[in-house]
Amino acid sequence: MQIINTLTVLALVVLSFALIVAIPVLYASSEDSGRSNRLILIGGAAWVALVLLNWGVSFFVV
């Protein structure tokens, strides 16, 4: 179970760094703003889901 916890933390860190880079790039692009906003929303929702998953998995790690 500790390996799963480590993998969720790693995924959370990687997604956080990806969002740190992607959000300013998507806001700076002048192309389809609806698509950019949708990608930011999906990225944010995935980040929240990973935080909740990590919180749930941490209960099983002693």
PDB file of N, CA and C in Angstrom:
ATOM      1  N   MET A   1       0.821  -1.194   0.000  1.00  0.00           N
ATOM      2  CA  MET A   1       0.000   0.000   0.000  1.00  0.00           C
ATOM      3  C   MET A   1       0.868   1.262   0.000  1.00  0.00           C
ATOM      4  N   GLN A   2       2.057   1.137   0.546  1.00  0.00           N
ATOM      5  CA  GLN A   2       2.951   2.288   0.570  1.00  0.00           C
ATOM      6  C   GLN A   2       3.412   2.662  -0.840  1.00  0.00           C
ATOM      7  N   ILE A   3       3.540   1.667  -1.713  1.00  0.00           N
ATOM      8  CA  ILE A   3       3.936   1.938  -3.102  1.00  0.00           C
ATOM      9  C   ILE A   3       2.836   2.722  -3.812  1.00  0.00           C
ATOM     10  N   ILE A   4       1.585   2.365  -3.555  1.00  0.00           N
ATOM     11  CA  ILE A   4       0.466   3.090  -4.172  1.00  0.00           C
ATOM     12  C   ILE A   4       0.439   4.531  -3.676  1.00  0.00           C
ATOM     13  N   ASN A   5       0.706   4.716  -2.395  1.00  0.00           N
ATOM     14  CA  ASN A   5       0.756   6.066  -1.838  1.00  0.00           C
ATOM     15  C   ASN A   5       1.876   6.874  -2.488  1.00  0.00           C
ATOM     16  N   THR A   6       3.031   6.255  -2.664  1.00  0.00           N
ATOM     17  CA  THR A   6       4.152   6.934  -3.311  1.00  0.00           C
ATOM     18  C   THR A   6       3.816   7.296  -4.749  1.00  0.00           C
ATOM     19  N   LEU A   7       3.142   6.404  -5.461  1.00  0.00           N
ATOM     20  CA  LEU A   7       2.762   6.680  -6.843  1.00  0.00           C
ATOM     21  C   LEU A   7       1.735   7.812  -6.938  1.00  0.00           C
ATOM     22  N   THR A   8       0.808   7.873  -5.997  1.00  0.00           N
ATOM     23  CA  THR A   8      -0.169   8.967  -6.033  1.00  0.00           C
ATOM     24  C   THR A   8       0.498  10.306  -5.729  1.00  0.00           C
ATOM     25  N   VAL A   9       1.460  10.301  -4.821  1.00  0.00           N
ATOM     26  CA  VAL A   9       2.191  11.537  -4.529  1.00  0.00           C
ATOM     27  C   VAL A   9       3.005  11.957  -5.753  1.00  0.00           C
ATOM     28  N   LEU A  10       3.652  10.994  -6.402  1.00  0.00           N
ATOM     29  CA  LEU A  10       4.424  11.298  -7.608  1.00  0.00           C
ATOM     30  C   LEU A  10       3.521  11.855  -8.703  1.00  0.00           C
ATOM     31  N   ALA A  11       2.367  11.244  -8.902  1.00  0.00           N
ATOM     32  CA  ALA A  11       1.429  11.742  -9.912  1.00  0.00           C
ATOM     33  C   ALA A  11       0.944  13.153  -9.569  1.00  0.00           C
ATOM     34  N   LEU A  12       0.734  13.410  -8.299  1.00  0.00           N
ATOM     35  CA  LEU A  12       0.297  14.737  -7.862  1.00  0.00           C
ATOM     36  C   LEU A  12       1.377  15.779  -8.116  1.00  0.00           C
ATOM     37  N   VAL A  13       2.623  15.442  -7.844  1.00  0.00           N
ATOM     38  CA  VAL A  13       3.727  16.374  -8.075  1.00  0.00           C
ATOM     39  C   VAL A  13       3.899  16.641  -9.568  1.00  0.00           C
ATOM     40  N   VAL A  14       3.843  15.593 -10.379  1.00  0.00           N
ATOM     41  CA  VAL A  14       3.998  15.757 -11.832  1.00  0.00           C
ATOM     42  C   VAL A  14       2.857  16.598 -12.400  1.00  0.00           C
ATOM     43  N   LEU A  15       1.634  16.327 -11.972  1.00  0.00           N
ATOM     44  CA  LEU A  15       0.498  17.108 -12.460  1.00  0.00           C
ATOM     45  C   LEU A  15       0.595  18.562 -11.992  1.00  0.00           C
ATOM     46  N   SER A  16       1.073  18.787 -10.782  1.00  0.00           N
ATOM     47  CA  SER A  16       1.233  20.152 -10.281  1.00  0.00           C
ATOM     48  C   SER A  16       2.226  20.927 -11.135  1.00  0.00           C
ATOM     49  N   PHE A  17       3.368  20.316 -11.442  1.00  0.00           N
ATOM     50  CA  PHE A  17       4.349  20.987 -12.293  1.00  0.00           C
ATOM     51  C   PHE A  17       3.787  21.216 -13.695  1.00  0.00           C
ATOM     52  N   ALA A  18       3.041  20.261 -14.212  1.00  0.00           N
ATOM     53  CA  ALA A  18       2.441  20.428 -15.540  1.00  0.00           C
ATOM     54  C   ALA A  18       1.448  21.591 -15.539  1.00  0.00           C
ATOM     55  N   LEU A  19       0.667  21.711 -14.484  1.00  0.00           N
ATOM     56  CA  LEU A  19      -0.293  22.818 -14.414  1.00  0.00           C
ATOM     57  C   LEU A  19       0.405  24.153 -14.215  1.00  0.00           C
ATOM     58  N   ILE A  20       1.521  24.172 -13.489  1.00  0.00           N
ATOM     59  CA  ILE A  20       2.274  25.410 -13.295  1.00  0.00           C
ATOM     60  C   ILE A  20       2.761  25.945 -14.638  1.00  0.00           C
ATOM     61  N   VAL A  21       3.145  25.046 -15.531  1.00  0.00           N
ATOM     62  CA  VAL A  21       3.607  25.460 -16.856  1.00  0.00           C
ATOM     63  C   VAL A  21       2.435  25.705 -17.798  1.00  0.00           C
ATOM     64  N   ALA A  22       1.437  24.839 -17.770  1.00  0.00           N
ATOM     65  CA  ALA A  22       0.370  24.873 -18.770  1.00  0.00           C
ATOM     66  C   ALA A  22      -0.596  26.041 -18.588  1.00  0.00           C
ATOM     67  N   ILE A  23      -0.913  26.400 -17.377  1.00  0.00           N
ATOM     68  CA  ILE A  23      -1.930  27.434 -17.164  1.00  0.00           C
ATOM     69  C   ILE A  23      -1.494  28.787 -17.731  1.00  0.00           C
ATOM     70  N   PRO A  24      -0.282  29.281 -17.433  1.00  0.00           N
ATOM     71  CA  PRO A  24       0.107  30.552 -18.062  1.00  0.00           C
ATOM     72  C   PRO A  24       0.210  30.462 -19.589  1.00  0.00           C
ATOM     73  N   VAL A  25       0.671  29.317 -20.095  1.00  0.00           N
ATOM     74  CA  VAL A  25       0.772  29.162 -21.545  1.00  0.00           C
ATOM     75  C   VAL A  25      -0.617  29.194 -22.177  1.00  0.00           C
ATOM     76  N   LEU A  26      -1.580  28.508 -21.565  1.00  0.00           N
ATOM     77  CA  LEU A  26      -2.935  28.492 -22.122  1.00  0.00           C
ATOM     78  C   LEU A  26      -3.600  29.861 -22.030  1.00  0.00           C
ATOM     79  N   TYR A  27      -3.344  30.593 -20.937  1.00  0.00           N
ATOM     80  CA  TYR A  27      -3.913  31.935 -20.832  1.00  0.00           C
ATOM     81  C   TYR A  27      -3.263  32.907 -21.806  1.00  0.00           C
ATOM     82  N   ALA A  28      -1.987  32.700 -22.118  1.00  0.00           N
ATOM     83  CA  ALA A  28      -1.289  33.603 -23.028  1.00  0.00           C
ATOM     84  C   ALA A  28      -1.631  33.341 -24.484  1.00  0.00           C
ATOM     85  N   SER A  29      -2.078  32.141 -24.798  1.00  0.00           N
ATOM     86  CA  SER A  29      -2.397  31.838 -26.193  1.00  0.00           C
ATOM     87  C   SER A  29      -3.687  32.557 -26.586  1.00  0.00           C
ATOM     88  N   SER A  30      -3.675  33.088 -27.775  1.00  0.00           N
ATOM     89  CA  SER A  30      -4.840  33.855 -28.232  1.00  0.00           C
ATOM     90  C   SER A  30      -5.772  33.008 -29.089  1.00  0.00           C
ATOM     91  N   GLU A  31      -5.524  31.717 -29.149  1.00  0.00           N
ATOM     92  CA  GLU A  31      -6.374  30.846 -29.952  1.00  0.00           C
ATOM     93  C   GLU A  31      -7.687  30.580 -29.215  1.00  0.00           C
ATOM     94  N   ASP A  32      -8.260  29.455 -29.391  1.00  0.00           N
ATOM     95  CA  ASP A  32      -9.577  29.107 -28.863  1.00  0.00           C
ATOM     96  C   ASP A  32      -9.580  29.163 -27.336  1.00  0.00           C
ATOM     97  N   SER A  33     -10.173  30.216 -26.769  1.00  0.00           N
ATOM     98  CA  SER A  33     -10.156  30.377 -25.313  1.00  0.00           C
ATOM     99  C   SER A  33     -11.093  29.389 -24.624  1.00  0.00           C
ATOM    100  N   GLY A  34     -12.148  28.960 -25.307  1.00  0.00           N
ATOM    101  CA  GLY A  34     -13.052  27.971 -24.723  1.00  0.00           C
ATOM    102  C   GLY A  34     -12.354  26.647 -24.505  1.00  0.00           C
ATOM    103  N   ARG A  35     -11.512  26.251 -25.464  1.00  0.00           N
ATOM    104  CA  ARG A  35     -10.743  25.007 -25.334  1.00  0.00           C
ATOM    105  C   ARG A  35      -9.715  25.138 -24.217  1.00  0.00           C
ATOM    106  N   SER A  36      -9.079  26.298 -24.113  1.00  0.00           N
ATOM    107  CA  SER A  36      -8.083  26.521 -23.068  1.00  0.00           C
ATOM    108  C   SER A  36      -8.730  26.448 -21.684  1.00  0.00           C
ATOM    109  N   ASN A  37      -9.871  27.090 -21.546  1.00  0.00           N
ATOM    110  CA  ASN A  37     -10.564  27.066 -20.257  1.00  0.00           C
ATOM    111  C   ASN A  37     -11.002  25.654 -19.889  1.00  0.00           C
ATOM    112  N   ARG A  38     -11.413  24.877 -20.880  1.00  0.00           N
ATOM    113  CA  ARG A  38     -11.826  23.503 -20.634  1.00  0.00           C
ATOM    114  C   ARG A  38     -10.634  22.665 -20.165  1.00  0.00           C
ATOM    115  N   LEU A  39      -9.472  22.853 -20.802  1.00  0.00           N
ATOM    116  CA  LEU A  39      -8.274  22.121 -20.393  1.00  0.00           C
ATOM    117  C   LEU A  39      -7.841  22.495 -18.981  1.00  0.00           C
ATOM    118  N   ILE A  40      -7.944  23.778 -18.638  1.00  0.00           N
ATOM    119  CA  ILE A  40      -7.592  24.218 -17.286  1.00  0.00           C
ATOM    120  C   ILE A  40      -8.560  23.626 -16.271  1.00  0.00           C
ATOM    121  N   LEU A  41      -9.839  23.598 -16.598  1.00  0.00           N
ATOM    122  CA  LEU A  41     -10.836  23.014 -15.704  1.00  0.00           C
ATOM    123  C   LEU A  41     -10.605  21.520 -15.505  1.00  0.00           C
ATOM    124  N   ILE A  42     -10.302  20.803 -16.580  1.00  0.00           N
ATOM    125  CA  ILE A  42     -10.033  19.366 -16.480  1.00  0.00           C
ATOM    126  C   ILE A  42      -8.771  19.114 -15.659  1.00  0.00           C
ATOM    127  N   GLY A  43      -7.728  19.921 -15.893  1.00  0.00           N
ATOM    128  CA  GLY A  43      -6.494  19.787 -15.113  1.00  0.00           C
ATOM    129  C   GLY A  43      -6.726  20.059 -13.635  1.00  0.00           C
ATOM    130  N   GLY A  44      -7.508  21.074 -13.328  1.00  0.00           N
ATOM    131  CA  GLY A  44      -7.823  21.379 -11.931  1.00  0.00           C
ATOM    132  C   GLY A  44      -8.644  20.285 -11.274  1.00  0.00           C
ATOM    133  N   ALA A  45      -9.596  19.745 -12.013  1.00  0.00           N
ATOM    134  CA  ALA A  45     -10.417  18.656 -11.475  1.00  0.00           C
ATOM    135  C   ALA A  45      -9.576  17.399 -11.252  1.00  0.00           C
ATOM    136  N   ALA A  46      -8.646  17.123 -12.171  1.00  0.00           N
ATOM    137  CA  ALA A  46      -7.757  15.973 -12.000  1.00  0.00           C
ATOM    138  C   ALA A  46      -6.857  16.168 -10.797  1.00  0.00           C
ATOM    139  N   TRP A  47      -6.395  17.398 -10.570  1.00  0.00           N
ATOM    140  CA  TRP A  47      -5.548  17.691  -9.411  1.00  0.00           C
ATOM    141  C   TRP A  47      -6.325  17.463  -8.110  1.00  0.00           C
ATOM    142  N   VAL A  48      -7.544  17.955  -8.054  1.00  0.00           N
ATOM    143  CA  VAL A  48      -8.374  17.761  -6.856  1.00  0.00           C
ATOM    144  C   VAL A  48      -8.650  16.268  -6.636  1.00  0.00           C
ATOM    145  N   ALA A  49      -8.920  15.539  -7.716  1.00  0.00           N
ATOM    146  CA  ALA A  49      -9.161  14.100  -7.597  1.00  0.00           C
ATOM    147  C   ALA A  49      -7.927  13.380  -7.070  1.00  0.00           C
ATOM    148  N   LEU A  50      -6.744  13.779  -7.528  1.00  0.00           N
ATOM    149  CA  LEU A  50      -5.515  13.159  -7.024  1.00  0.00           C
ATOM    150  C   LEU A  50      -5.274  13.496  -5.555  1.00  0.00           C
ATOM    151  N   VAL A  51      -5.591  14.706  -5.150  1.00  0.00           N
ATOM    152  CA  VAL A  51      -5.450  15.072  -3.733  1.00  0.00           C
ATOM    153  C   VAL A  51      -6.369  14.208  -2.874  1.00  0.00           C
ATOM    154  N   LEU A  52      -7.615  14.046  -3.308  1.00  0.00           N
ATOM    155  CA  LEU A  52      -8.561  13.230  -2.551  1.00  0.00           C
ATOM    156  C   LEU A  52      -8.163  11.759  -2.559  1.00  0.00           C
ATOM    157  N   LEU A  53      -7.649  11.269  -3.695  1.00  0.00           N
ATOM    158  CA  LEU A  53      -7.177   9.893  -3.768  1.00  0.00           C
ATOM    159  C   LEU A  53      -5.992   9.673  -2.834  1.00  0.00           C
ATOM    160  N   ASN A  54      -5.083  10.620  -2.815  1.00  0.00           N
ATOM    161  CA  ASN A  54      -3.933  10.509  -1.920  1.00  0.00           C
ATOM    162  C   ASN A  54      -4.375  10.547  -0.460  1.00  0.00           C
ATOM    163  N   TRP A  55      -5.347  11.372  -0.159  1.00  0.00           N
ATOM    164  CA  TRP A  55      -5.877  11.435   1.201  1.00  0.00           C
ATOM    165  C   TRP A  55      -6.518  10.101   1.593  1.00  0.00           C
ATOM    166  N   GLY A  56      -7.252   9.502   0.672  1.00  0.00           N
ATOM    167  CA  GLY A  56      -7.889   8.218   0.954  1.00  0.00           C
ATOM    168  C   GLY A  56      -6.885   7.099   1.109  1.00  0.00           C
ATOM    169  N   VAL A  57      -5.857   7.080   0.269  1.00  0.00           N
ATOM    170  CA  VAL A  57      -4.843   6.034   0.345  1.00  0.00           C
ATOM    171  C   VAL A  57      -3.999   6.189   1.609  1.00  0.00           C
ATOM    172  N   SER A  58      -3.816   7.418   2.070  1.00  0.00           N
ATOM    173  CA  SER A  58      -2.968   7.632   3.243  1.00  0.00           C
ATOM    174  C   SER A  58      -3.565   7.024   4.509  1.00  0.00           C
ATOM    175  N   PHE A  59      -4.861   6.754   4.528  1.00  0.00           N
ATOM    176  CA  PHE A  59      -5.458   6.102   5.694  1.00  0.00           C
ATOM    177  C   PHE A  59      -4.986   4.667   5.836  1.00  0.00           C
ATOM    178  N   PHE A  60      -4.624   4.028   4.712  1.00  0.00           N
ATOM    179  CA  PHE A  60      -4.224   2.630   4.746  1.00  0.00           C
ATOM    180  C   PHE A  60      -2.722   2.436   4.945  1.00  0.00           C
ATOM    181  N   VAL A  61      -1.963   3.526   4.884  1.00  0.00           N
ATOM    182  CA  VAL A  61      -0.524   3.434   5.096  1.00  0.00           C
ATOM    183  C   VAL A  61      -0.242   3.667   6.572  1.00  0.00           C
ATOM    184  N   VAL A  62       0.458   2.760   7.158  1.00  0.00           N
ATOM    185  CA  VAL A  62       0.719   2.863   8.600  1.00  0.00           C
ATOM    186  C   VAL A  62       2.005   3.589   8.844  1.00  0.00           C
TER     187      VAL A  62
END
